[in-house]
Amino acid sequence: MSSSPTATVLRVLALALGVIAGAIVFLNYFAPVPPLSSLAQPVLQAVVLLTAAALLFGSLNLLARHLRRLRHGRASVAVVVGFLLAFAGGLLPQGYDAGWGRWVLDWLLIPGLAALFALLPIFLAFALYQRLRLRDLGMLVFAVGLLLVLFGQTPALAPYLAGIRHNLLVGPAAAAWRGVLIGLALGVILAALSRLRLRGER
């Protein structure tokens, strides 16, 4: 079943706008000249606004789902109460800088984030254990480097592993990150061009 002409036109228009906006930001990154910068700034601002709107709608959707599950578990009650407290604290005149909003930040948000980051090494260790059972040399090197960087963040071991952590972050890790960004950019460009070619063939 083919889509309606209006839907096809809207998809092509959205794809064309995405390609044009991506090309402007991509070229401005390598050649930040005034004409490109004046075009890239509104695009970046629109991306920030769309991201904020997506985050807001996603949070409201999460809240609505847990509101429907309030009778089925205490976890949903904790999510709803925490969401309302954090949202109300951010709407105060001084936000999270003083007063009740500061209390919410110091005693709810920061401890919650600390708990999540404290669990992250456990999840990473379990995932590495599951993956290293395949006896993969590449994953073994990755695991050793990850553990060195992780231990380098701890206060007790930071003075001893600071040099190793720095060399890993500015050397292999930075090179791998640049490779990921370049591959991601090329993948997006090729995907957009392939979709345009398929549209042209139809």
N, C-alpha and C. Protein backbone atom coordinates (compact mmCIF):
# COMPACT_ATOMS: atom_id res chain seq x y z
N MET A 1 0.86 -1.19 0.00
CA MET A 1 0.00 0.00 0.00
C MET A 1 0.89 1.23 0.00
N SER A 2 0.75 2.05 -1.03
CA SER A 2 1.60 3.23 -1.15
C SER A 2 1.04 4.36 -0.30
N SER A 3 1.93 5.22 0.13
CA SER A 3 1.52 6.35 0.95
C SER A 3 0.90 7.42 0.07
N SER A 4 0.18 8.34 0.70
CA SER A 4 -0.48 9.40 -0.03
C SER A 4 0.54 10.39 -0.56
N PRO A 5 0.21 11.12 -1.63
CA PRO A 5 1.16 12.11 -2.16
C PRO A 5 1.55 13.17 -1.14
N THR A 6 0.62 13.57 -0.28
CA THR A 6 0.93 14.58 0.72
C THR A 6 1.98 14.07 1.71
N ALA A 7 1.81 12.82 2.17
CA ALA A 7 2.79 12.25 3.10
C ALA A 7 4.15 12.11 2.44
N THR A 8 4.17 11.73 1.16
CA THR A 8 5.45 11.61 0.45
C THR A 8 6.14 12.95 0.32
N VAL A 9 5.37 13.97 0.00
CA VAL A 9 5.95 15.32 -0.12
C VAL A 9 6.49 15.80 1.22
N LEU A 10 5.76 15.52 2.29
CA LEU A 10 6.23 15.94 3.62
C LEU A 10 7.51 15.21 4.01
N ARG A 11 7.60 13.91 3.69
CA ARG A 11 8.82 13.17 4.00
C ARG A 11 10.00 13.69 3.20
N VAL A 12 9.78 13.95 1.92
CA VAL A 12 10.87 14.48 1.09
C VAL A 12 11.29 15.86 1.58
N LEU A 13 10.32 16.69 1.95
CA LEU A 13 10.63 18.03 2.45
C LEU A 13 11.41 17.96 3.76
N ALA A 14 10.98 17.07 4.67
CA ALA A 14 11.70 16.92 5.94
C ALA A 14 13.11 16.41 5.71
N LEU A 15 13.27 15.45 4.80
CA LEU A 15 14.61 14.93 4.49
C LEU A 15 15.49 16.00 3.87
N ALA A 16 14.91 16.80 2.96
CA ALA A 16 15.68 17.87 2.32
C ALA A 16 16.11 18.92 3.34
N LEU A 17 15.21 19.31 4.24
CA LEU A 17 15.57 20.28 5.27
C LEU A 17 16.65 19.72 6.19
N GLY A 18 16.54 18.44 6.55
CA GLY A 18 17.57 17.83 7.38
C GLY A 18 18.93 17.80 6.71
N VAL A 19 18.95 17.47 5.41
CA VAL A 19 20.22 17.43 4.68
C VAL A 19 20.82 18.83 4.58
N ILE A 20 19.99 19.83 4.28
CA ILE A 20 20.49 21.20 4.16
C ILE A 20 21.03 21.71 5.51
N ALA A 21 20.26 21.46 6.59
CA ALA A 21 20.71 21.91 7.91
C ALA A 21 21.98 21.19 8.32
N GLY A 22 22.05 19.88 8.07
CA GLY A 22 23.27 19.15 8.41
C GLY A 22 24.47 19.62 7.61
N ALA A 23 24.25 19.93 6.33
CA ALA A 23 25.36 20.42 5.50
C ALA A 23 25.86 21.77 5.99
N ILE A 24 24.95 22.63 6.40
CA ILE A 24 25.36 23.95 6.90
C ILE A 24 26.19 23.82 8.16
N VAL A 25 25.73 23.01 9.12
CA VAL A 25 26.47 22.82 10.37
C VAL A 25 27.80 22.12 10.10
N PHE A 26 27.80 21.15 9.20
CA PHE A 26 29.03 20.40 8.88
C PHE A 26 30.07 21.33 8.25
N LEU A 27 29.65 22.15 7.30
CA LEU A 27 30.60 23.06 6.65
C LEU A 27 31.07 24.16 7.61
N ASN A 28 30.16 24.61 8.49
CA ASN A 28 30.56 25.64 9.44
C ASN A 28 31.59 25.12 10.44
N TYR A 29 31.56 23.81 10.71
CA TYR A 29 32.54 23.24 11.62
C TYR A 29 33.95 23.31 11.04
N PHE A 30 34.08 23.10 9.74
CA PHE A 30 35.39 23.11 9.10
C PHE A 30 35.78 24.49 8.58
N ALA A 31 34.79 25.32 8.25
CA ALA A 31 35.08 26.66 7.73
C ALA A 31 34.15 27.66 8.39
N PRO A 32 34.46 28.06 9.65
CA PRO A 32 33.57 28.97 10.39
C PRO A 32 33.66 30.41 9.90
N VAL A 33 33.24 30.66 8.67
CA VAL A 33 33.23 32.01 8.11
C VAL A 33 31.91 32.68 8.48
N PRO A 34 31.87 34.03 8.49
CA PRO A 34 30.66 34.72 8.93
C PRO A 34 29.37 34.32 8.21
N PRO A 35 29.35 34.16 6.87
CA PRO A 35 28.06 33.77 6.26
C PRO A 35 27.54 32.42 6.75
N LEU A 36 28.45 31.45 6.86
CA LEU A 36 28.01 30.14 7.34
C LEU A 36 27.64 30.18 8.82
N SER A 37 28.38 30.94 9.61
CA SER A 37 28.08 31.03 11.03
C SER A 37 26.71 31.65 11.28
N SER A 38 26.37 32.66 10.48
CA SER A 38 25.05 33.29 10.64
C SER A 38 23.92 32.34 10.27
N LEU A 39 24.19 31.38 9.38
CA LEU A 39 23.19 30.38 9.04
C LEU A 39 23.18 29.21 10.02
N ALA A 40 24.36 28.87 10.55
CA ALA A 40 24.46 27.71 11.43
C ALA A 40 23.87 27.97 12.81
N GLN A 41 23.99 29.19 13.31
CA GLN A 41 23.50 29.48 14.66
C GLN A 41 21.99 29.26 14.80
N PRO A 42 21.16 29.75 13.88
CA PRO A 42 19.72 29.44 14.01
C PRO A 42 19.43 27.94 13.93
N VAL A 43 20.19 27.22 13.11
CA VAL A 43 19.99 25.78 13.01
C VAL A 43 20.31 25.11 14.35
N LEU A 44 21.43 25.49 14.95
CA LEU A 44 21.80 24.91 16.24
C LEU A 44 20.80 25.28 17.33
N GLN A 45 20.30 26.50 17.31
CA GLN A 45 19.29 26.90 18.29
C GLN A 45 18.00 26.10 18.10
N ALA A 46 17.61 25.87 16.85
CA ALA A 46 16.42 25.06 16.60
C ALA A 46 16.61 23.62 17.08
N VAL A 47 17.82 23.08 16.90
CA VAL A 47 18.10 21.72 17.37
C VAL A 47 18.00 21.66 18.89
N VAL A 48 18.51 22.69 19.58
CA VAL A 48 18.42 22.72 21.04
C VAL A 48 16.96 22.79 21.49
N LEU A 49 16.16 23.62 20.82
CA LEU A 49 14.75 23.72 21.19
C LEU A 49 14.00 22.42 20.92
N LEU A 50 14.29 21.78 19.79
CA LEU A 50 13.63 20.50 19.50
C LEU A 50 14.05 19.42 20.50
N THR A 51 15.32 19.43 20.89
CA THR A 51 15.78 18.47 21.89
C THR A 51 15.09 18.69 23.23
N ALA A 52 14.97 19.98 23.62
CA ALA A 52 14.28 20.28 24.87
C ALA A 52 12.80 19.86 24.81
N ALA A 53 12.16 20.10 23.67
CA ALA A 53 10.76 19.70 23.53
C ALA A 53 10.62 18.18 23.57
N ALA A 54 11.54 17.46 22.90
CA ALA A 54 11.49 16.00 22.93
C ALA A 54 11.71 15.47 24.35
N LEU A 55 12.63 16.10 25.08
CA LEU A 55 12.87 15.69 26.47
C LEU A 55 11.64 15.94 27.33
N LEU A 56 11.00 17.08 27.12
CA LEU A 56 9.80 17.41 27.91
C LEU A 56 8.67 16.43 27.61
N PHE A 57 8.41 16.16 26.33
CA PHE A 57 7.34 15.23 25.98
C PHE A 57 7.66 13.81 26.44
N GLY A 58 8.94 13.43 26.35
CA GLY A 58 9.32 12.11 26.86
C GLY A 58 9.12 11.99 28.36
N SER A 59 9.45 13.05 29.10
CA SER A 59 9.24 13.04 30.55
C SER A 59 7.76 12.98 30.89
N LEU A 60 6.95 13.74 30.16
CA LEU A 60 5.51 13.70 30.41
C LEU A 60 4.92 12.34 30.07
N ASN A 61 5.43 11.71 29.01
CA ASN A 61 4.96 10.37 28.67
C ASN A 61 5.33 9.36 29.75
N LEU A 62 6.56 9.49 30.28
CA LEU A 62 6.97 8.62 31.38
C LEU A 62 6.09 8.83 32.61
N LEU A 63 5.80 10.10 32.90
CA LEU A 63 4.94 10.39 34.04
C LEU A 63 3.55 9.80 33.85
N ALA A 64 2.99 9.93 32.65
CA ALA A 64 1.65 9.40 32.39
C ALA A 64 1.61 7.88 32.53
N ARG A 65 2.66 7.21 32.06
CA ARG A 65 2.69 5.74 32.16
C ARG A 65 2.75 5.29 33.62
N HIS A 66 3.55 5.99 34.43
CA HIS A 66 3.64 5.60 35.84
C HIS A 66 2.40 6.02 36.62
N LEU A 67 1.71 7.07 36.19
CA LEU A 67 0.45 7.42 36.85
C LEU A 67 -0.59 6.32 36.68
N ARG A 68 -0.55 5.65 35.52
CA ARG A 68 -1.49 4.55 35.30
C ARG A 68 -1.12 3.29 36.09
N ARG A 69 0.12 3.25 36.60
CA ARG A 69 0.57 2.06 37.34
C ARG A 69 0.72 2.31 38.83
N LEU A 70 0.13 3.37 39.34
CA LEU A 70 0.32 3.70 40.75
C LEU A 70 -0.19 2.59 41.67
N ARG A 71 -1.23 1.88 41.26
CA ARG A 71 -1.80 0.84 42.12
C ARG A 71 -1.05 -0.47 42.05
N HIS A 72 -0.09 -0.57 41.13
CA HIS A 72 0.57 -1.86 40.90
C HIS A 72 1.96 -1.96 41.53
N GLY A 73 2.49 -0.89 42.06
CA GLY A 73 3.82 -1.00 42.64
C GLY A 73 4.29 0.30 43.25
N ARG A 74 5.23 0.17 44.19
CA ARG A 74 5.78 1.35 44.86
C ARG A 74 6.77 2.09 43.98
N ALA A 75 7.36 1.40 43.01
CA ALA A 75 8.34 2.06 42.15
C ALA A 75 7.69 3.20 41.36
N SER A 76 6.48 2.98 40.88
CA SER A 76 5.78 4.04 40.14
C SER A 76 5.47 5.22 41.05
N VAL A 77 5.11 4.95 42.30
CA VAL A 77 4.85 6.04 43.25
C VAL A 77 6.11 6.87 43.47
N ALA A 78 7.26 6.20 43.62
CA ALA A 78 8.52 6.91 43.82
C ALA A 78 8.88 7.74 42.59
N VAL A 79 8.64 7.20 41.39
CA VAL A 79 8.94 7.95 40.17
C VAL A 79 8.06 9.19 40.06
N VAL A 80 6.77 9.04 40.33
CA VAL A 80 5.85 10.17 40.22
C VAL A 80 6.19 11.24 41.25
N VAL A 81 6.43 10.84 42.49
CA VAL A 81 6.75 11.82 43.54
C VAL A 81 8.06 12.52 43.23
N GLY A 82 9.08 11.76 42.82
CA GLY A 82 10.36 12.38 42.48
C GLY A 82 10.25 13.32 41.30
N PHE A 83 9.47 12.95 40.29
CA PHE A 83 9.28 13.82 39.13
C PHE A 83 8.61 15.13 39.54
N LEU A 84 7.54 15.04 40.31
CA LEU A 84 6.82 16.24 40.72
C LEU A 84 7.68 17.15 41.58
N LEU A 85 8.46 16.57 42.50
CA LEU A 85 9.34 17.39 43.34
C LEU A 85 10.41 18.08 42.51
N ALA A 86 11.04 17.34 41.60
CA ALA A 86 12.09 17.94 40.77
C ALA A 86 11.51 19.00 39.84
N PHE A 87 10.35 18.73 39.26
CA PHE A 87 9.73 19.69 38.34
C PHE A 87 9.31 20.95 39.08
N ALA A 88 8.71 20.78 40.26
CA ALA A 88 8.29 21.95 41.04
C ALA A 88 9.48 22.75 41.52
N GLY A 89 10.58 22.06 41.90
CA GLY A 89 11.77 22.79 42.34
C GLY A 89 12.38 23.62 41.23
N GLY A 90 12.32 23.13 39.99
CA GLY A 90 12.85 23.91 38.88
C GLY A 90 12.00 25.10 38.50
N LEU A 91 10.71 25.08 38.85
CA LEU A 91 9.81 26.19 38.52
C LEU A 91 9.83 27.30 39.55
N LEU A 92 10.50 27.13 40.66
CA LEU A 92 10.56 28.18 41.67
C LEU A 92 11.31 29.40 41.13
N PRO A 93 11.08 30.59 41.70
CA PRO A 93 11.74 31.80 41.18
C PRO A 93 13.26 31.69 41.14
N GLN A 94 13.87 31.12 42.16
CA GLN A 94 15.32 30.98 42.18
C GLN A 94 15.79 29.61 41.69
N GLY A 95 14.87 28.79 41.24
CA GLY A 95 15.26 27.49 40.71
C GLY A 95 15.93 26.62 41.75
N TYR A 96 17.08 26.07 41.36
CA TYR A 96 17.85 25.20 42.26
C TYR A 96 18.99 25.95 42.95
N ASP A 97 18.96 27.27 42.93
CA ASP A 97 20.05 28.05 43.54
C ASP A 97 19.85 28.25 45.03
N ALA A 98 18.63 28.31 45.50
CA ALA A 98 18.40 28.60 46.92
C ALA A 98 17.04 28.05 47.32
N GLY A 99 16.81 28.03 48.63
CA GLY A 99 15.51 27.63 49.16
C GLY A 99 15.20 26.17 48.97
N TRP A 100 13.90 25.90 48.73
CA TRP A 100 13.45 24.54 48.62
C TRP A 100 14.03 23.84 47.39
N GLY A 101 14.20 24.60 46.32
CA GLY A 101 14.80 24.01 45.13
C GLY A 101 16.22 23.53 45.39
N ARG A 102 16.97 24.27 46.19
CA ARG A 102 18.33 23.84 46.55
C ARG A 102 18.29 22.57 47.40
N TRP A 103 17.31 22.47 48.26
CA TRP A 103 17.17 21.26 49.08
C TRP A 103 16.88 20.05 48.19
N VAL A 104 16.00 20.23 47.20
CA VAL A 104 15.70 19.13 46.27
C VAL A 104 16.94 18.72 45.51
N LEU A 105 17.74 19.69 45.09
CA LEU A 105 18.96 19.38 44.36
C LEU A 105 19.97 18.65 45.23
N ASP A 106 20.17 19.14 46.46
CA ASP A 106 21.20 18.57 47.33
C ASP A 106 20.82 17.21 47.89
N TRP A 107 19.53 16.99 48.16
CA TRP A 107 19.12 15.79 48.88
C TRP A 107 18.36 14.78 48.03
N LEU A 108 18.00 15.15 46.80
CA LEU A 108 17.30 14.20 45.94
C LEU A 108 18.04 13.96 44.62
N LEU A 109 18.29 15.04 43.88
CA LEU A 109 18.86 14.88 42.55
C LEU A 109 20.32 14.43 42.59
N ILE A 110 21.14 15.12 43.38
CA ILE A 110 22.56 14.76 43.44
C ILE A 110 22.77 13.36 44.02
N PRO A 111 22.11 12.97 45.13
CA PRO A 111 22.27 11.58 45.58
C PRO A 111 21.76 10.55 44.57
N GLY A 112 20.67 10.87 43.86
CA GLY A 112 20.18 9.93 42.86
C GLY A 112 21.17 9.74 41.72
N LEU A 113 21.75 10.85 41.24
CA LEU A 113 22.77 10.73 40.18
C LEU A 113 24.00 9.99 40.69
N ALA A 114 24.38 10.25 41.94
CA ALA A 114 25.53 9.54 42.50
C ALA A 114 25.27 8.04 42.59
N ALA A 115 24.04 7.67 42.94
CA ALA A 115 23.70 6.25 43.00
C ALA A 115 23.76 5.60 41.62
N LEU A 116 23.27 6.31 40.60
CA LEU A 116 23.33 5.77 39.24
C LEU A 116 24.77 5.59 38.78
N PHE A 117 25.62 6.58 39.04
CA PHE A 117 27.02 6.47 38.63
C PHE A 117 27.75 5.41 39.46
N ALA A 118 27.31 5.19 40.70
CA ALA A 118 27.92 4.14 41.50
C ALA A 118 27.58 2.76 40.97
N LEU A 119 26.39 2.61 40.39
CA LEU A 119 26.00 1.32 39.81
C LEU A 119 26.61 1.09 38.44
N LEU A 120 27.03 2.16 37.78
CA LEU A 120 27.58 2.01 36.43
C LEU A 120 28.79 1.08 36.38
N PRO A 121 29.78 1.19 37.29
CA PRO A 121 30.90 0.23 37.22
C PRO A 121 30.48 -1.22 37.39
N ILE A 122 29.42 -1.46 38.20
CA ILE A 122 28.94 -2.83 38.38
C ILE A 122 28.37 -3.36 37.07
N PHE A 123 27.57 -2.54 36.38
CA PHE A 123 27.02 -2.97 35.10
C PHE A 123 28.13 -3.20 34.08
N LEU A 124 29.12 -2.29 34.06
CA LEU A 124 30.24 -2.44 33.13
C LEU A 124 31.03 -3.71 33.43
N ALA A 125 31.29 -3.97 34.71
CA ALA A 125 32.04 -5.16 35.07
C ALA A 125 31.29 -6.43 34.66
N PHE A 126 29.97 -6.45 34.87
CA PHE A 126 29.19 -7.63 34.49
C PHE A 126 29.18 -7.81 32.97
N ALA A 127 29.02 -6.68 32.23
CA ALA A 127 29.04 -6.78 30.77
C ALA A 127 30.39 -7.25 30.25
N LEU A 128 31.48 -6.75 30.85
CA LEU A 128 32.81 -7.19 30.43
C LEU A 128 33.03 -8.65 30.76
N TYR A 129 32.52 -9.10 31.90
CA TYR A 129 32.66 -10.51 32.25
C TYR A 129 31.93 -11.40 31.24
N GLN A 130 30.73 -10.98 30.86
CA GLN A 130 29.97 -11.75 29.88
C GLN A 130 30.68 -11.77 28.53
N ARG A 131 31.29 -10.64 28.16
CA ARG A 131 31.94 -10.55 26.84
C ARG A 131 33.30 -11.21 26.84
N LEU A 132 34.04 -11.11 27.94
CA LEU A 132 35.40 -11.65 27.97
C LEU A 132 35.43 -13.17 28.03
N ARG A 133 34.30 -13.80 28.26
CA ARG A 133 34.29 -15.25 28.26
C ARG A 133 34.55 -15.81 26.86
N LEU A 134 34.49 -14.92 25.84
CA LEU A 134 34.78 -15.36 24.48
C LEU A 134 36.27 -15.36 24.18
N ARG A 135 37.10 -14.98 25.15
CA ARG A 135 38.56 -14.95 24.99
C ARG A 135 38.98 -14.05 23.84
N ASP A 136 38.39 -12.89 23.78
CA ASP A 136 38.71 -11.93 22.72
C ASP A 136 39.83 -11.02 23.21
N LEU A 137 40.95 -10.96 22.48
CA LEU A 137 42.09 -10.14 22.89
C LEU A 137 41.75 -8.66 22.84
N GLY A 138 40.98 -8.26 21.84
CA GLY A 138 40.59 -6.85 21.75
C GLY A 138 39.76 -6.40 22.93
N MET A 139 38.83 -7.24 23.35
CA MET A 139 38.01 -6.89 24.51
C MET A 139 38.83 -6.91 25.79
N LEU A 140 39.84 -7.76 25.85
CA LEU A 140 40.71 -7.78 27.04
C LEU A 140 41.48 -6.47 27.15
N VAL A 141 42.03 -5.99 26.03
CA VAL A 141 42.73 -4.70 26.03
C VAL A 141 41.77 -3.57 26.38
N PHE A 142 40.56 -3.63 25.83
CA PHE A 142 39.55 -2.62 26.15
C PHE A 142 39.21 -2.63 27.63
N ALA A 143 39.05 -3.82 28.21
CA ALA A 143 38.70 -3.93 29.61
C ALA A 143 39.81 -3.38 30.51
N VAL A 144 41.07 -3.69 30.18
CA VAL A 144 42.18 -3.19 30.99
C VAL A 144 42.25 -1.67 30.93
N GLY A 145 42.10 -1.11 29.73
CA GLY A 145 42.11 0.35 29.60
C GLY A 145 40.96 1.00 30.32
N LEU A 146 39.78 0.39 30.23
CA LEU A 146 38.62 0.93 30.92
C LEU A 146 38.79 0.90 32.43
N LEU A 147 39.33 -0.19 32.95
CA LEU A 147 39.54 -0.28 34.39
C LEU A 147 40.59 0.72 34.87
N LEU A 148 41.64 0.94 34.07
CA LEU A 148 42.65 1.93 34.46
C LEU A 148 42.05 3.33 34.52
N VAL A 149 41.24 3.67 33.51
CA VAL A 149 40.59 4.99 33.52
C VAL A 149 39.61 5.09 34.68
N LEU A 150 38.87 4.00 34.94
CA LEU A 150 37.89 4.01 36.02
C LEU A 150 38.58 4.15 37.38
N PHE A 151 39.63 3.39 37.61
CA PHE A 151 40.36 3.50 38.87
C PHE A 151 41.07 4.85 38.99
N GLY A 152 41.42 5.43 37.85
CA GLY A 152 42.05 6.75 37.88
C GLY A 152 41.13 7.85 38.35
N GLN A 153 39.81 7.59 38.33
CA GLN A 153 38.84 8.59 38.80
C GLN A 153 38.62 8.52 40.31
N THR A 154 39.07 7.44 40.95
CA THR A 154 38.86 7.30 42.39
C THR A 154 39.83 8.21 43.15
N PRO A 155 39.38 8.82 44.23
CA PRO A 155 40.26 9.76 44.94
C PRO A 155 41.53 9.10 45.49
N ALA A 156 41.42 7.85 45.96
CA ALA A 156 42.59 7.22 46.59
C ALA A 156 43.67 6.86 45.58
N LEU A 157 43.27 6.47 44.37
CA LEU A 157 44.24 6.03 43.38
C LEU A 157 44.54 7.08 42.31
N ALA A 158 43.83 8.20 42.32
CA ALA A 158 44.02 9.21 41.28
C ALA A 158 45.46 9.71 41.18
N PRO A 159 46.17 10.01 42.31
CA PRO A 159 47.55 10.49 42.15
C PRO A 159 48.49 9.48 41.49
N TYR A 160 48.23 8.19 41.65
CA TYR A 160 49.12 7.17 41.12
C TYR A 160 48.82 6.82 39.66
N LEU A 161 47.55 6.94 39.28
CA LEU A 161 47.16 6.56 37.92
C LEU A 161 46.81 7.75 37.04
N ALA A 162 47.10 8.96 37.53
CA ALA A 162 46.74 10.14 36.75
C ALA A 162 47.47 10.18 35.41
N GLY A 163 48.75 9.84 35.41
CA GLY A 163 49.51 9.87 34.17
C GLY A 163 49.03 8.84 33.17
N ILE A 164 48.74 7.62 33.65
CA ILE A 164 48.24 6.58 32.75
C ILE A 164 46.87 6.97 32.19
N ARG A 165 46.02 7.48 33.06
CA ARG A 165 44.69 7.89 32.61
C ARG A 165 44.79 9.00 31.57
N HIS A 166 45.67 9.97 31.79
CA HIS A 166 45.83 11.07 30.84
C HIS A 166 46.32 10.57 29.49
N ASN A 167 47.29 9.67 29.50
CA ASN A 167 47.80 9.14 28.24
C ASN A 167 46.75 8.34 27.49
N LEU A 168 45.92 7.63 28.21
CA LEU A 168 44.86 6.87 27.56
C LEU A 168 43.79 7.78 26.97
N LEU A 169 43.44 8.82 27.71
CA LEU A 169 42.36 9.69 27.26
C LEU A 169 42.78 10.56 26.09
N VAL A 170 44.01 11.07 26.09
CA VAL A 170 44.44 11.96 25.00
C VAL A 170 45.00 11.18 23.82
N GLY A 171 45.26 9.89 23.99
CA GLY A 171 45.81 9.09 22.90
C GLY A 171 44.77 8.18 22.28
N PRO A 172 44.73 6.91 22.68
CA PRO A 172 43.80 5.96 22.05
C PRO A 172 42.32 6.34 22.20
N ALA A 173 41.93 6.80 23.38
CA ALA A 173 40.51 7.12 23.57
C ALA A 173 40.07 8.28 22.69
N ALA A 174 40.89 9.34 22.62
CA ALA A 174 40.54 10.48 21.78
C ALA A 174 40.51 10.10 20.30
N ALA A 175 41.48 9.26 19.88
CA ALA A 175 41.49 8.82 18.48
C ALA A 175 40.27 7.97 18.15
N ALA A 176 39.90 7.07 19.08
CA ALA A 176 38.71 6.25 18.86
C ALA A 176 37.45 7.10 18.81
N TRP A 177 37.38 8.10 19.69
CA TRP A 177 36.20 8.98 19.70
C TRP A 177 36.09 9.77 18.41
N ARG A 178 37.23 10.28 17.90
CA ARG A 178 37.20 10.99 16.62
C ARG A 178 36.78 10.05 15.50
N GLY A 179 37.26 8.80 15.54
CA GLY A 179 36.85 7.85 14.52
C GLY A 179 35.36 7.56 14.56
N VAL A 180 34.80 7.46 15.78
CA VAL A 180 33.36 7.24 15.92
C VAL A 180 32.57 8.41 15.35
N LEU A 181 33.01 9.65 15.65
CA LEU A 181 32.30 10.83 15.15
C LEU A 181 32.38 10.92 13.63
N ILE A 182 33.57 10.64 13.07
CA ILE A 182 33.71 10.69 11.62
C ILE A 182 32.85 9.61 10.97
N GLY A 183 32.89 8.39 11.53
CA GLY A 183 32.06 7.32 10.98
C GLY A 183 30.58 7.62 11.08
N LEU A 184 30.16 8.23 12.20
CA LEU A 184 28.75 8.59 12.37
C LEU A 184 28.33 9.65 11.34
N ALA A 185 29.19 10.67 11.15
CA ALA A 185 28.87 11.71 10.17
C ALA A 185 28.78 11.14 8.76
N LEU A 186 29.75 10.30 8.38
CA LEU A 186 29.71 9.69 7.05
C LEU A 186 28.50 8.78 6.90
N GLY A 187 28.15 8.03 7.97
CA GLY A 187 26.97 7.17 7.90
C GLY A 187 25.69 7.95 7.69
N VAL A 188 25.57 9.09 8.38
CA VAL A 188 24.37 9.92 8.21
C VAL A 188 24.29 10.46 6.80
N ILE A 189 25.44 10.94 6.28
CA ILE A 189 25.46 11.48 4.92
C ILE A 189 25.10 10.41 3.89
N LEU A 190 25.72 9.22 4.01
CA LEU A 190 25.42 8.14 3.07
C LEU A 190 23.98 7.68 3.18
N ALA A 191 23.44 7.62 4.40
CA ALA A 191 22.04 7.22 4.56
C ALA A 191 21.10 8.23 3.91
N ALA A 192 21.40 9.52 4.08
CA ALA A 192 20.56 10.55 3.45
C ALA A 192 20.64 10.47 1.93
N LEU A 193 21.86 10.28 1.39
CA LEU A 193 22.01 10.19 -0.06
C LEU A 193 21.33 8.94 -0.62
N SER A 194 21.42 7.83 0.12
CA SER A 194 20.76 6.61 -0.36
C SER A 194 19.25 6.75 -0.36
N ARG A 195 18.70 7.43 0.63
CA ARG A 195 17.25 7.65 0.67
C ARG A 195 16.82 8.57 -0.49
N LEU A 196 17.64 9.59 -0.77
CA LEU A 196 17.32 10.46 -1.89
C LEU A 196 17.38 9.70 -3.21
N ARG A 197 18.34 8.78 -3.35
CA ARG A 197 18.45 8.01 -4.59
C ARG A 197 17.27 7.07 -4.73
N LEU A 198 16.85 6.44 -3.62
CA LEU A 198 15.68 5.57 -3.69
C LEU A 198 14.42 6.33 -4.03
N ARG A 199 14.29 7.53 -3.49
CA ARG A 199 13.13 8.34 -3.82
C ARG A 199 13.13 8.71 -5.30
N GLY A 200 14.35 9.02 -5.82
CA GLY A 200 14.43 9.36 -7.24
C GLY A 200 14.10 8.19 -8.14
N GLU A 201 14.48 6.98 -7.77
CA GLU A 201 14.17 5.80 -8.57
C GLU A 201 12.67 5.50 -8.59
N ARG A 202 11.98 5.80 -7.50
CA ARG A 202 10.54 5.55 -7.49
C ARG A 202 9.78 6.55 -8.34
